[in-house]
């Protein structure tokens, strides 16, 4: 192989010593994953999903192409499913479609066997950008959804106490977003999502703008949420280390339009901490993901 034909190293991003995936459009990847859509719908089913954006002239750009996958319901076991792929490949589009923010051009999405038709309380989304209301206190931000539902003030307060404590913000309940760091603002967004008790939590690179130390802390928080709140979490990233650290299952996507290329079941790590990220087993999974991302079809 000529030197100029060799895969270029991915740019470093996120945590020190890890790589972010930006493999570019060159070459057609060979898919190994084929979804089995037999049987009754599980907790989440995405079937034959395609999404095409239209510009003002009516010209279409396909962002997602014919994606199918199931996420089983595992009572008492929170599951984290990570989508890993190049920047701009369509990962966020998949999440927005599941959230009901984007209607599928083709295919369907079902939660607990019911077709998704617009947004709903069974799904909650955390974006990369901080989305708190600046004129509301931390507590009022967290309780906002419950207030819209007409939940009595006493119940709202009781539930917000629980979730503010779970994200470590009980001492900041009366503060305003301008007084918070980036990581704390994301904790507000997570608490605001959790308090509504969604069946599926959708997280679109929520830690991408955070410094490494805060990012590690937020990853630990997400794992705690997964264990204690029992949700299914769909998490978008292009950071390989983050994918291995958080995921039970990783789906590797192609460049745009996004297609599901591979499914990787991450081994069970009894303890997930900073030391794990330098362990031989952890690095082996990272290497496997990178190999799958860079391997071209013959």
Protein backbone atom coordinates (compact mmCIF):
# COMPACT_ATOMS: atom_id res chain seq x y z
CA UNK A 1 0.00 0.00 0.00
CA UNK A 2 1.29 3.41 -0.89
CA UNK A 3 1.75 5.86 1.95
CA UNK A 4 -0.76 8.29 0.46
CA UNK A 5 -3.38 5.51 0.31
CA UNK A 6 -3.06 4.57 3.98
CA UNK A 7 -5.89 5.58 6.34
CA UNK A 8 -5.25 8.98 7.84
CA UNK A 9 -5.24 9.15 11.66
CA UNK A 10 -8.37 10.59 13.20
CA UNK A 11 -8.01 14.01 14.83
CA UNK A 12 -7.65 14.09 18.58
CA UNK A 13 -10.61 15.47 20.50
CA UNK A 14 -12.42 15.05 23.79
CA UNK A 15 -10.34 13.30 26.41
CA UNK A 16 -6.52 13.36 26.33
CA UNK A 17 -5.12 10.32 24.57
CA UNK A 18 -8.34 9.40 22.78
CA UNK A 19 -9.43 9.90 19.21
CA UNK A 20 -12.52 11.28 17.60
CA UNK A 21 -13.79 9.64 14.47
CA UNK A 22 -13.76 11.59 11.22
CA UNK A 23 -13.15 8.98 8.55
CA UNK A 24 -14.56 11.05 5.72
CA UNK A 25 -16.55 9.91 2.69
CA UNK A 26 -13.81 7.94 0.93
CA UNK A 27 -14.66 4.35 0.11
CA UNK A 28 -17.74 2.24 0.68
CA UNK A 29 -17.79 0.44 4.01
CA UNK A 30 -18.81 -3.21 4.12
CA UNK A 31 -21.77 -3.76 6.43
CA UNK A 32 -21.93 -6.75 8.76
CA UNK A 33 -25.12 -5.85 10.65
CA UNK A 34 -28.55 -6.98 9.53
CA UNK A 35 -31.51 -6.23 11.78
CA UNK A 36 -33.98 -9.01 12.58
CA UNK A 37 -37.44 -7.43 12.71
CA UNK A 38 -39.31 -10.66 13.55
CA UNK A 39 -41.58 -10.94 16.56
CA UNK A 40 -43.50 -8.43 18.64
CA UNK A 41 -42.09 -4.90 18.85
CA UNK A 42 -39.64 -4.48 21.75
CA UNK A 43 -39.15 -1.36 23.88
CA UNK A 44 -37.86 0.54 20.85
CA UNK A 45 -38.07 -0.51 17.22
CA UNK A 46 -36.71 1.52 14.32
CA UNK A 47 -37.72 -0.10 11.04
CA UNK A 48 -36.58 0.88 7.54
CA UNK A 49 -35.98 4.48 8.65
CA UNK A 50 -34.96 6.97 5.98
CA UNK A 51 -34.92 10.76 6.36
CA UNK A 52 -34.45 13.23 3.51
CA UNK A 53 -34.15 16.98 4.00
CA UNK A 54 -35.61 19.31 1.38
CA UNK A 55 -34.23 22.78 0.69
CA UNK A 56 -36.25 25.78 -0.46
CA UNK A 57 -35.94 24.68 -4.06
CA UNK A 58 -37.33 21.25 -3.26
CA UNK A 59 -34.00 19.48 -3.74
CA UNK A 60 -33.49 16.57 -1.37
CA UNK A 61 -30.47 15.53 0.70
CA UNK A 62 -30.72 12.07 2.22
CA UNK A 63 -29.39 12.06 5.79
CA UNK A 64 -30.44 8.55 6.91
CA UNK A 65 -30.89 5.52 4.68
CA UNK A 66 -32.90 2.39 5.49
CA UNK A 67 -31.92 1.94 9.15
CA UNK A 68 -33.45 -0.82 11.29
CA UNK A 69 -32.65 -1.91 14.84
CA UNK A 70 -34.36 -3.09 18.02
CA UNK A 71 -33.67 -2.24 21.65
CA UNK A 72 -35.13 -4.87 23.97
CA UNK A 73 -36.87 -4.04 27.22
CA UNK A 74 -34.71 -5.24 30.11
CA UNK A 75 -36.62 -4.44 33.33
CA UNK A 76 -34.33 -3.35 36.14
CA UNK A 77 -31.36 -2.93 33.80
CA UNK A 78 -30.76 0.47 32.26
CA UNK A 79 -29.25 0.14 28.80
CA UNK A 80 -27.00 2.57 26.96
CA UNK A 81 -26.93 2.33 23.17
CA UNK A 82 -24.28 4.47 21.47
CA UNK A 83 -24.21 5.61 17.84
CA UNK A 84 -20.66 6.14 16.65
CA UNK A 85 -19.74 7.59 13.30
CA UNK A 86 -18.14 10.45 11.38
CA UNK A 87 -19.17 14.03 12.02
CA UNK A 88 -22.21 15.00 9.96
CA UNK A 89 -23.12 11.42 9.09
CA UNK A 90 -26.72 11.59 10.33
CA UNK A 91 -26.46 10.45 13.96
CA UNK A 92 -28.40 13.43 15.29
CA UNK A 93 -31.07 12.94 12.64
CA UNK A 94 -31.77 9.44 13.96
CA UNK A 95 -32.25 10.80 17.49
CA UNK A 96 -34.51 13.61 16.31
CA UNK A 97 -36.64 11.12 14.41
CA UNK A 98 -36.99 8.91 17.50
CA UNK A 99 -37.83 12.02 19.55
CA UNK A 100 -40.61 12.86 17.10
CA UNK A 101 -38.99 16.12 16.03
CA UNK A 102 -38.48 14.91 12.45
CA UNK A 103 -41.04 12.83 10.53
CA UNK A 104 -39.54 9.84 8.69
CA UNK A 105 -39.45 10.06 4.92
CA UNK A 106 -39.78 6.29 4.97
CA UNK A 107 -40.23 3.63 7.64
CA UNK A 108 -41.54 3.82 11.18
CA UNK A 109 -40.48 4.09 14.82
CA UNK A 110 -42.29 2.33 17.66
CA UNK A 111 -41.94 2.76 21.43
CA UNK A 112 -43.56 -0.07 23.39
CA UNK A 113 -45.32 -1.09 20.19
CA UNK A 114 -46.88 2.33 19.55
CA UNK A 115 -45.93 4.27 16.45
CA UNK A 116 -44.13 7.54 17.17
CA UNK A 117 -46.16 10.44 15.81
CA UNK A 118 -44.64 13.63 17.15
CA UNK A 119 -43.06 14.33 20.52
CA UNK A 120 -44.25 12.54 23.65
CA UNK A 121 -43.59 12.15 27.38
CA UNK A 122 -42.24 8.64 26.83
CA UNK A 123 -39.14 10.22 25.24
CA UNK A 124 -36.85 12.93 26.53
CA UNK A 125 -33.96 14.61 24.72
CA UNK A 126 -30.76 16.26 25.98
CA UNK A 127 -28.98 18.39 23.38
CA UNK A 128 -25.32 19.40 23.16
CA UNK A 129 -26.25 23.06 23.54
CA UNK A 130 -27.34 24.19 26.99
CA UNK A 131 -31.11 24.64 26.89
CA UNK A 132 -32.06 26.02 30.30
CA UNK A 133 -34.44 28.99 30.54
CA UNK A 134 -32.30 31.88 31.74
CA UNK A 135 -35.15 33.61 33.64
CA UNK A 136 -35.99 30.52 35.71
CA UNK A 137 -34.12 29.14 38.69
CA UNK A 138 -32.52 25.71 38.55
CA UNK A 139 -35.47 24.20 40.41
CA UNK A 140 -38.02 25.92 38.18
CA UNK A 141 -36.16 24.70 35.09
CA UNK A 142 -36.21 21.13 36.38
CA UNK A 143 -39.92 21.34 37.30
CA UNK A 144 -40.95 23.06 34.07
CA UNK A 145 -42.34 19.98 32.33
CA UNK A 146 -44.28 18.90 35.41
CA UNK A 147 -45.79 22.37 35.71
CA UNK A 148 -47.01 22.18 32.11
CA UNK A 149 -48.63 18.84 32.95
CA UNK A 150 -50.50 20.40 35.87
CA UNK A 151 -48.68 18.47 38.58
CA UNK A 152 -49.35 20.06 42.01
CA UNK A 153 -46.59 22.24 43.46
CA UNK A 154 -45.96 19.97 46.45
CA UNK A 155 -45.40 16.94 44.22
CA UNK A 156 -43.22 18.94 41.85
CA UNK A 157 -41.05 20.04 44.75
CA UNK A 158 -40.71 16.50 46.11
CA UNK A 159 -39.72 15.08 42.74
CA UNK A 160 -37.33 17.94 41.90
CA UNK A 161 -35.57 17.43 45.26
CA UNK A 162 -34.90 13.81 44.30
CA UNK A 163 -33.48 14.59 40.88
CA UNK A 164 -31.52 17.67 41.90
CA UNK A 165 -29.82 15.49 44.51
CA UNK A 166 -29.19 12.74 41.94
CA UNK A 167 -27.24 15.18 39.72
CA UNK A 168 -25.52 16.94 42.63
CA UNK A 169 -27.33 20.27 42.33
CA UNK A 170 -29.43 20.34 45.49
CA UNK A 171 -27.36 23.28 46.81
CA UNK A 172 -27.96 25.29 43.62
CA UNK A 173 -31.75 24.95 43.39
CA UNK A 174 -32.30 28.70 43.80
CA UNK A 175 -29.56 29.81 41.42
CA UNK A 176 -30.01 30.92 37.82
CA UNK A 177 -28.29 29.36 34.77
CA UNK A 178 -25.94 32.35 34.43
CA UNK A 179 -24.41 31.32 37.77
CA UNK A 180 -23.61 27.78 36.61
CA UNK A 181 -20.70 26.16 34.82
CA UNK A 182 -21.19 24.26 31.58
CA UNK A 183 -21.22 20.91 33.32
CA UNK A 184 -23.77 22.11 35.85
CA UNK A 185 -26.04 23.41 33.08
CA UNK A 186 -25.96 19.97 31.49
CA UNK A 187 -26.87 18.44 34.86
CA UNK A 188 -29.92 20.72 34.90
CA UNK A 189 -30.90 19.44 31.45
CA UNK A 190 -30.47 15.84 32.55
CA UNK A 191 -32.50 16.36 35.73
CA UNK A 192 -35.23 18.14 33.74
CA UNK A 193 -35.39 15.11 31.44
CA UNK A 194 -35.31 12.48 34.19
CA UNK A 195 -38.05 14.08 36.29
CA UNK A 196 -40.55 13.30 33.52
CA UNK A 197 -39.61 9.60 33.75
CA UNK A 198 -39.30 8.93 30.02
CA UNK A 199 -38.96 5.39 28.72
CA UNK A 200 -36.26 6.49 26.27
CA UNK A 201 -33.65 9.22 26.83
CA UNK A 202 -31.98 10.67 23.74
CA UNK A 203 -28.61 12.40 24.20
CA UNK A 204 -27.02 14.25 21.29
CA UNK A 205 -23.31 14.69 22.10
CA UNK A 206 -24.26 16.27 25.43
CA UNK A 207 -20.67 16.35 26.75
CA UNK A 208 -18.96 17.46 23.56
CA UNK A 209 -18.25 21.04 24.69
CA UNK A 210 -17.05 20.15 28.19
CA UNK A 211 -13.48 20.06 29.47
CA UNK A 212 -12.02 16.55 30.03
CA UNK A 213 -12.41 16.52 33.84
CA UNK A 214 -16.04 17.66 33.71
CA UNK A 215 -16.68 15.25 30.85
CA UNK A 216 -15.44 12.30 32.91
CA UNK A 217 -17.67 13.35 35.79
CA UNK A 218 -20.71 13.60 33.53
CA UNK A 219 -20.01 10.18 32.06
CA UNK A 220 -19.99 8.75 35.58
CA UNK A 221 -23.28 10.51 36.30
CA UNK A 222 -24.84 9.02 33.17
CA UNK A 223 -23.79 5.51 34.22
CA UNK A 224 -25.34 6.12 37.66
CA UNK A 225 -28.57 7.27 36.00
CA UNK A 226 -28.60 4.16 33.83
CA UNK A 227 -28.29 1.90 36.88
CA UNK A 228 -30.76 3.70 39.14
CA UNK A 229 -33.44 5.08 36.80
CA UNK A 230 -33.73 2.08 34.43
CA UNK A 231 -34.12 4.03 31.15
CA UNK A 232 -33.00 3.13 27.66
CA UNK A 233 -30.45 5.77 26.66
CA UNK A 234 -29.58 6.46 23.02
CA UNK A 235 -26.32 8.41 22.99
CA UNK A 236 -24.63 10.06 20.01
CA UNK A 237 -20.88 10.63 19.95
CA UNK A 238 -17.89 10.54 17.61
CA UNK A 239 -15.44 9.93 20.47
CA UNK A 240 -14.34 6.28 20.52
CA UNK A 241 -13.26 6.25 24.17
CA UNK A 242 -16.57 7.74 25.28
CA UNK A 243 -18.46 5.12 23.27
CA UNK A 244 -16.63 2.21 24.92
CA UNK A 245 -16.89 3.71 28.41
CA UNK A 246 -20.65 4.30 28.29
CA UNK A 247 -22.12 1.72 25.97
CA UNK A 248 -23.68 -1.66 26.40
CA UNK A 249 -24.11 -1.71 22.62
CA UNK A 250 -22.41 0.37 19.91
CA UNK A 251 -23.84 0.85 16.43
CA UNK A 252 -21.29 2.03 13.89
CA UNK A 253 -22.64 4.28 11.16
CA UNK A 254 -21.38 5.06 7.68
CA UNK A 255 -20.78 8.55 6.34
CA UNK A 256 -23.89 10.37 5.10
CA UNK A 257 -26.42 9.08 4.37
CA UNK A 258 -26.16 7.13 7.61
CA UNK A 259 -26.45 3.37 7.32
CA UNK A 260 -25.91 0.88 10.14
CA UNK A 261 -22.68 -0.93 9.36
CA UNK A 262 -21.88 -2.91 12.50
CA UNK A 263 -23.18 -3.75 15.94
CA UNK A 264 -20.65 -4.28 18.74
CA UNK A 265 -21.69 -5.58 22.16
CA UNK A 266 -19.29 -4.03 24.69
CA UNK A 267 -17.99 -6.48 27.31
CA UNK A 268 -19.26 -6.10 30.86
CA UNK A 269 -16.82 -4.09 32.98
CA UNK A 270 -17.60 -4.60 36.72
CA UNK A 271 -16.08 -1.21 37.57
CA UNK A 272 -16.11 1.75 35.22
CA UNK A 273 -13.71 4.46 36.35
CA UNK A 274 -10.79 6.49 35.06
CA UNK A 275 -8.37 3.60 35.49
CA UNK A 276 -10.50 1.42 33.21
CA UNK A 277 -9.76 3.70 30.26
CA UNK A 278 -6.11 2.63 30.25
CA UNK A 279 -6.84 -1.08 30.80
CA UNK A 280 -5.86 -3.61 28.13
CA UNK A 281 -9.44 -4.87 27.74
CA UNK A 282 -10.76 -1.34 27.25
CA UNK A 283 -8.12 -0.47 24.66
CA UNK A 284 -8.88 -3.70 22.80
CA UNK A 285 -12.52 -2.65 22.33
CA UNK A 286 -11.38 0.81 21.18
CA UNK A 287 -9.13 -0.82 18.60
CA UNK A 288 -11.96 -3.04 17.37
CA UNK A 289 -14.23 -0.04 16.86
CA UNK A 290 -11.54 1.90 15.03
CA UNK A 291 -10.77 -1.08 12.82
CA UNK A 292 -14.44 -1.38 11.89
CA UNK A 293 -14.68 2.35 11.20
CA UNK A 294 -11.64 2.40 8.93
CA UNK A 295 -11.98 -0.96 7.16
CA UNK A 296 -13.02 -0.49 3.55
CA UNK A 297 -14.95 -2.93 1.44
CA UNK A 298 -12.83 -4.90 -1.02
